[in-house]
C-alpha atoms as a PDB file:
ATOM      1  CA  UNK A   1       0.000   0.000   0.000  1.00  0.00           C
ATOM      2  CA  UNK A   2       1.336   3.421  -0.975  1.00  0.00           C
ATOM      3  CA  UNK A   3       1.548   5.934   1.864  1.00  0.00           C
ATOM      4  CA  UNK A   4       2.699   9.491   2.415  1.00  0.00           C
ATOM      5  CA  UNK A   5       6.069   8.095   3.472  1.00  0.00           C
ATOM      6  CA  UNK A   6       6.552   6.909  -0.126  1.00  0.00           C
ATOM      7  CA  UNK A   7       6.571  10.477  -1.488  1.00  0.00           C
ATOM      8  CA  UNK A   8      10.082  11.176  -2.788  1.00  0.00           C
ATOM      9  CA  UNK A   9      12.067  14.330  -2.116  1.00  0.00           C
ATOM     10  CA  UNK A  10      10.337  17.112  -4.054  1.00  0.00           C
ATOM     11  CA  UNK A  11      12.896  19.863  -3.469  1.00  0.00           C
ATOM     12  CA  UNK A  12      12.902  22.289  -6.371  1.00  0.00           C
ATOM     13  CA  UNK A  13       9.469  21.180  -7.603  1.00  0.00           C
ATOM     14  CA  UNK A  14       6.575  23.618  -7.892  1.00  0.00           C
ATOM     15  CA  UNK A  15       2.999  22.474  -7.293  1.00  0.00           C
ATOM     16  CA  UNK A  16      -0.328  24.290  -7.593  1.00  0.00           C
ATOM     17  CA  UNK A  17      -3.236  22.856  -5.603  1.00  0.00           C
ATOM     18  CA  UNK A  18      -6.769  24.237  -5.981  1.00  0.00           C
ATOM     19  CA  UNK A  19      -8.969  24.198  -2.902  1.00  0.00           C
ATOM     20  CA  UNK A  20      -5.884  23.786  -0.714  1.00  0.00           C
ATOM     21  CA  UNK A  21      -7.223  25.529   2.371  1.00  0.00           C
ATOM     22  CA  UNK A  22      -9.228  22.557   3.663  1.00  0.00           C
ATOM     23  CA  UNK A  23      -9.841  18.832   3.343  1.00  0.00           C
ATOM     24  CA  UNK A  24      -8.031  16.733   0.763  1.00  0.00           C
ATOM     25  CA  UNK A  25      -6.535  19.824  -0.897  1.00  0.00           C
ATOM     26  CA  UNK A  26      -4.992  20.964   2.387  1.00  0.00           C
ATOM     27  CA  UNK A  27      -3.588  17.519   3.163  1.00  0.00           C
ATOM     28  CA  UNK A  28      -2.174  17.233  -0.350  1.00  0.00           C
ATOM     29  CA  UNK A  29      -0.523  20.667  -0.160  1.00  0.00           C
ATOM     30  CA  UNK A  30       0.849  19.867   3.306  1.00  0.00           C
ATOM     31  CA  UNK A  31       2.321  16.525   2.227  1.00  0.00           C
ATOM     32  CA  UNK A  32       3.915  18.017  -0.890  1.00  0.00           C
ATOM     33  CA  UNK A  33       5.420  20.890   1.119  1.00  0.00           C
ATOM     34  CA  UNK A  34       6.698  18.573   3.850  1.00  0.00           C
ATOM     35  CA  UNK A  35       8.543  16.669   1.127  1.00  0.00           C
ATOM     36  CA  UNK A  36      10.183  19.853  -0.141  1.00  0.00           C
ATOM     37  CA  UNK A  37       7.915  21.116  -2.927  1.00  0.00           C
ATOM     38  CA  UNK A  38       7.108  24.800  -3.210  1.00  0.00           C
ATOM     39  CA  UNK A  39       3.307  24.903  -3.123  1.00  0.00           C
ATOM     40  CA  UNK A  40       0.832  27.445  -4.445  1.00  0.00           C
ATOM     41  CA  UNK A  41      -2.496  27.343  -2.608  1.00  0.00           C
ATOM     42  CA  UNK A  42      -5.100  28.408  -5.177  1.00  0.00           C
ATOM     43  CA  UNK A  43      -8.212  29.172  -3.117  1.00  0.00           C
ATOM     44  CA  UNK A  44     -11.368  31.263  -3.239  1.00  0.00           C
ATOM     45  CA  UNK A  45     -11.187  32.444   0.384  1.00  0.00           C
ATOM     46  CA  UNK A  46      -7.917  34.367   0.824  1.00  0.00           C
ATOM     47  CA  UNK A  47      -8.143  34.514   4.631  1.00  0.00           C
ATOM     48  CA  UNK A  48      -8.586  30.754   4.927  1.00  0.00           C
ATOM     49  CA  UNK A  49      -5.798  30.230   2.387  1.00  0.00           C
ATOM     50  CA  UNK A  50      -3.429  32.422   4.413  1.00  0.00           C
ATOM     51  CA  UNK A  51      -4.274  30.505   7.594  1.00  0.00           C
ATOM     52  CA  UNK A  52      -3.697  27.196   5.790  1.00  0.00           C
ATOM     53  CA  UNK A  53      -0.383  28.489   4.423  1.00  0.00           C
ATOM     54  CA  UNK A  54       0.770  29.339   7.958  1.00  0.00           C
ATOM     55  CA  UNK A  55      -0.162  25.866   9.227  1.00  0.00           C
ATOM     56  CA  UNK A  56       1.621  24.186   6.308  1.00  0.00           C
ATOM     57  CA  UNK A  57       4.722  26.385   6.612  1.00  0.00           C
ATOM     58  CA  UNK A  58       5.041  25.521  10.308  1.00  0.00           C
ATOM     59  CA  UNK A  59       5.699  21.885   9.411  1.00  0.00           C
ATOM     60  CA  UNK A  60       7.456  22.381   6.089  1.00  0.00           C
ATOM     61  CA  UNK A  61      10.449  24.591   6.696  1.00  0.00           C
ATOM     62  CA  UNK A  62      12.163  23.708   3.371  1.00  0.00           C
ATOM     63  CA  UNK A  63       9.225  24.708   1.197  1.00  0.00           C
ATOM     64  CA  UNK A  64       7.956  28.059   0.035  1.00  0.00           C
ATOM     65  CA  UNK A  65       4.189  28.448   0.368  1.00  0.00           C
ATOM     66  CA  UNK A  66       2.348  30.926  -1.848  1.00  0.00           C
ATOM     67  CA  UNK A  67      -1.324  31.839  -2.112  1.00  0.00           C
ATOM     68  CA  UNK A  68      -3.237  32.866  -5.214  1.00  0.00           C
ATOM     69  CA  UNK A  69      -6.910  33.839  -5.099  1.00  0.00           C
ATOM     70  CA  UNK A  70      -9.123  31.972  -7.548  1.00  0.00           C
ATOM     71  CA  UNK A  71     -12.863  31.552  -7.934  1.00  0.00           C
ATOM     72  CA  UNK A  72     -13.473  28.604 -10.232  1.00  0.00           C
ATOM     73  CA  UNK A  73     -17.012  29.889 -10.822  1.00  0.00           C
ATOM     74  CA  UNK A  74     -15.612  32.863 -12.764  1.00  0.00           C
ATOM     75  CA  UNK A  75     -13.579  32.611 -15.948  1.00  0.00           C
ATOM     76  CA  UNK A  76     -12.324  36.138 -15.255  1.00  0.00           C
ATOM     77  CA  UNK A  77     -11.007  35.080 -11.850  1.00  0.00           C
ATOM     78  CA  UNK A  78      -9.397  31.998 -13.398  1.00  0.00           C
ATOM     79  CA  UNK A  79      -7.629  34.172 -15.985  1.00  0.00           C
ATOM     80  CA  UNK A  80      -6.383  36.540 -13.267  1.00  0.00           C
ATOM     81  CA  UNK A  81      -5.123  33.653 -11.109  1.00  0.00           C
ATOM     82  CA  UNK A  82      -3.371  32.060 -14.081  1.00  0.00           C
ATOM     83  CA  UNK A  83      -1.695  35.390 -14.886  1.00  0.00           C
ATOM     84  CA  UNK A  84      -0.450  35.679 -11.278  1.00  0.00           C
ATOM     85  CA  UNK A  85       0.915  32.146 -11.344  1.00  0.00           C
ATOM     86  CA  UNK A  86       2.500  32.679 -14.771  1.00  0.00           C
ATOM     87  CA  UNK A  87       4.137  35.909 -13.562  1.00  0.00           C
ATOM     88  CA  UNK A  88       5.611  34.190 -10.503  1.00  0.00           C
ATOM     89  CA  UNK A  89       6.664  30.837 -11.976  1.00  0.00           C
ATOM     90  CA  UNK A  90       8.353  29.998 -15.274  1.00  0.00           C
ATOM     91  CA  UNK A  91       7.461  26.331 -14.914  1.00  0.00           C
ATOM     92  CA  UNK A  92       5.060  24.149 -12.935  1.00  0.00           C
ATOM     93  CA  UNK A  93       5.816  20.549 -12.082  1.00  0.00           C
ATOM     94  CA  UNK A  94       2.413  19.619 -10.722  1.00  0.00           C
ATOM     95  CA  UNK A  95      -1.119  20.977 -11.026  1.00  0.00           C
ATOM     96  CA  UNK A  96      -3.643  19.339  -8.752  1.00  0.00           C
ATOM     97  CA  UNK A  97      -7.202  20.247  -9.708  1.00  0.00           C
ATOM     98  CA  UNK A  98      -8.829  19.448  -6.389  1.00  0.00           C
ATOM     99  CA  UNK A  99     -11.414  22.120  -5.545  1.00  0.00           C
ATOM    100  CA  UNK A 100     -15.007  21.104  -6.030  1.00  0.00           C
ATOM    101  CA  UNK A 101     -18.557  21.589  -4.890  1.00  0.00           C
ATOM    102  CA  UNK A 102     -21.635  19.448  -4.576  1.00  0.00           C
ATOM    103  CA  UNK A 103     -25.263  20.124  -3.796  1.00  0.00           C
ATOM    104  CA  UNK A 104     -25.251  23.706  -5.074  1.00  0.00           C
ATOM    105  CA  UNK A 105     -27.789  25.111  -7.477  1.00  0.00           C
ATOM    106  CA  UNK A 106     -27.484  28.148  -9.662  1.00  0.00           C
ATOM    107  CA  UNK A 107     -25.069  29.429 -12.257  1.00  0.00           C
ATOM    108  CA  UNK A 108     -21.462  30.521 -12.471  1.00  0.00           C
ATOM    109  CA  UNK A 109     -20.612  34.129 -13.289  1.00  0.00           C
ATOM    110  CA  UNK A 110     -20.454  33.055 -16.931  1.00  0.00           C
ATOM    111  CA  UNK A 111     -23.847  31.346 -16.969  1.00  0.00           C
ATOM    112  CA  UNK A 112     -22.880  27.691 -16.660  1.00  0.00           C
ATOM    113  CA  UNK A 113     -24.589  25.314 -14.245  1.00  0.00           C
ATOM    114  CA  UNK A 114     -22.587  25.875 -11.079  1.00  0.00           C
ATOM    115  CA  UNK A 115     -21.350  22.373 -10.280  1.00  0.00           C
ATOM    116  CA  UNK A 116     -20.377  21.650 -13.896  1.00  0.00           C
ATOM    117  CA  UNK A 117     -18.764  25.080 -14.150  1.00  0.00           C
ATOM    118  CA  UNK A 118     -16.666  24.804 -10.987  1.00  0.00           C
ATOM    119  CA  UNK A 119     -15.846  21.107 -10.954  1.00  0.00           C
ATOM    120  CA  UNK A 120     -15.099  20.703 -14.652  1.00  0.00           C
ATOM    121  CA  UNK A 121     -14.991  23.839 -16.791  1.00  0.00           C
ATOM    122  CA  UNK A 122     -13.081  25.913 -14.232  1.00  0.00           C
ATOM    123  CA  UNK A 123     -10.304  23.369 -13.900  1.00  0.00           C
ATOM    124  CA  UNK A 124     -10.226  22.794 -17.660  1.00  0.00           C
ATOM    125  CA  UNK A 125      -9.744  26.532 -18.215  1.00  0.00           C
ATOM    126  CA  UNK A 126      -7.055  26.781 -15.520  1.00  0.00           C
ATOM    127  CA  UNK A 127      -5.162  23.824 -16.949  1.00  0.00           C
ATOM    128  CA  UNK A 128      -5.281  25.324 -20.434  1.00  0.00           C
ATOM    129  CA  UNK A 129      -4.034  28.697 -19.214  1.00  0.00           C
ATOM    130  CA  UNK A 130      -1.110  27.063 -17.372  1.00  0.00           C
ATOM    131  CA  UNK A 131      -0.280  24.476 -20.001  1.00  0.00           C
ATOM    132  CA  UNK A 132       2.858  26.206 -21.287  1.00  0.00           C
ATOM    133  CA  UNK A 133       4.249  26.367 -17.727  1.00  0.00           C
ATOM    134  CA  UNK A 134       3.566  22.646 -17.314  1.00  0.00           C
ATOM    135  CA  UNK A 135       5.178  21.784 -20.644  1.00  0.00           C
ATOM    136  CA  UNK A 136       8.242  23.806 -19.556  1.00  0.00           C
ATOM    137  CA  UNK A 137       8.875  21.328 -16.708  1.00  0.00           C
ATOM    138  CA  UNK A 138      10.379  17.919 -17.287  1.00  0.00           C
ATOM    139  CA  UNK A 139       7.825  15.221 -16.442  1.00  0.00           C
ATOM    140  CA  UNK A 140       5.105  17.630 -15.279  1.00  0.00           C
ATOM    141  CA  UNK A 141       1.803  16.143 -14.160  1.00  0.00           C
ATOM    142  CA  UNK A 142      -1.814  17.258 -13.982  1.00  0.00           C
ATOM    143  CA  UNK A 143      -3.935  15.424 -11.430  1.00  0.00           C
ATOM    144  CA  UNK A 144      -7.687  15.971 -11.414  1.00  0.00           C
ATOM    145  CA  UNK A 145      -9.395  14.773  -8.267  1.00  0.00           C
ATOM    146  CA  UNK A 146     -12.892  13.332  -8.472  1.00  0.00           C
ATOM    147  CA  UNK A 147     -15.313  11.482  -6.268  1.00  0.00           C
ATOM    148  CA  UNK A 148     -17.640   8.543  -6.423  1.00  0.00           C
ATOM    149  CA  UNK A 149     -20.516  10.964  -6.951  1.00  0.00           C
ATOM    150  CA  UNK A 150     -20.953   9.677 -10.483  1.00  0.00           C
ATOM    151  CA  UNK A 151     -22.491   6.531  -9.011  1.00  0.00           C
ATOM    152  CA  UNK A 152     -25.549   8.401  -7.802  1.00  0.00           C
ATOM    153  CA  UNK A 153     -25.592  11.278 -10.264  1.00  0.00           C
ATOM    154  CA  UNK A 154     -27.878  11.703 -13.212  1.00  0.00           C
ATOM    155  CA  UNK A 155     -26.869  13.472 -16.401  1.00  0.00           C
ATOM    156  CA  UNK A 156     -29.248  16.076 -17.763  1.00  0.00           C
ATOM    157  CA  UNK A 157     -28.875  16.019 -21.562  1.00  0.00           C
ATOM    158  CA  UNK A 158     -29.765  19.729 -21.794  1.00  0.00           C
ATOM    159  CA  UNK A 159     -26.952  22.135 -22.670  1.00  0.00           C
ATOM    160  CA  UNK A 160     -24.727  22.879 -19.651  1.00  0.00           C
ATOM    161  CA  UNK A 161     -25.820  26.490 -19.386  1.00  0.00           C
ATOM    162  CA  UNK A 162     -28.107  27.544 -16.571  1.00  0.00           C
ATOM    163  CA  UNK A 163     -31.674  28.516 -17.533  1.00  0.00           C
ATOM    164  CA  UNK A 164     -32.242  32.200 -18.320  1.00  0.00           C
ATOM    165  CA  UNK A 165     -35.342  34.285 -18.789  1.00  0.00           C
ATOM    166  CA  UNK A 166     -36.004  35.146 -22.379  1.00  0.00           C
ATOM    167  CA  UNK A 167     -35.746  38.724 -23.636  1.00  0.00           C
ATOM    168  CA  UNK A 168     -39.514  39.297 -23.413  1.00  0.00           C
ATOM    169  CA  UNK A 169     -39.485  38.683 -19.684  1.00  0.00           C
ATOM    170  CA  UNK A 170     -41.407  35.405 -19.817  1.00  0.00           C
ATOM    171  CA  UNK A 171     -40.406  32.360 -17.850  1.00  0.00           C
ATOM    172  CA  UNK A 172     -39.141  30.326 -20.789  1.00  0.00           C
ATOM    173  CA  UNK A 173     -35.698  28.868 -20.904  1.00  0.00           C
ATOM    174  CA  UNK A 174     -33.166  29.905 -23.477  1.00  0.00           C
ATOM    175  CA  UNK A 175     -30.017  27.947 -24.261  1.00  0.00           C
END
């Protein structure tokens, strides 16, 4: 069985972890940092990210911990976060697309169904915007975390945009 103890020395490696202020994202960022990687916490809540960075840094004295604000429900925020990361790092060795939501209803800032937008489209956009930095690293990896939610989920064949009122003000949906 593979354990955290099997993680090799990651000194000199740069990792970006979305949703790294809590849960699996936090534990992943912590383990990477404790094994020497410099870790970028890409999180929506900057205060919680800063607190997580302090906790990680306390146990990972060899690693540099950075925070970048990102809201995966906004393509504009994703672009801004990618620009910050690109400005700070010439290469990325690891991108861990971890952040995710479940049980929410509504739409992203760009009109996509919120869970599909955050869990899938947001990470797809971030990966695309950072692709050249990943290609610049030897043996870079992209890891996209998922769940077993697909076992109970149902796919709605409608387009993945949230319903909108039509121009006339009626209640009809427009895709």
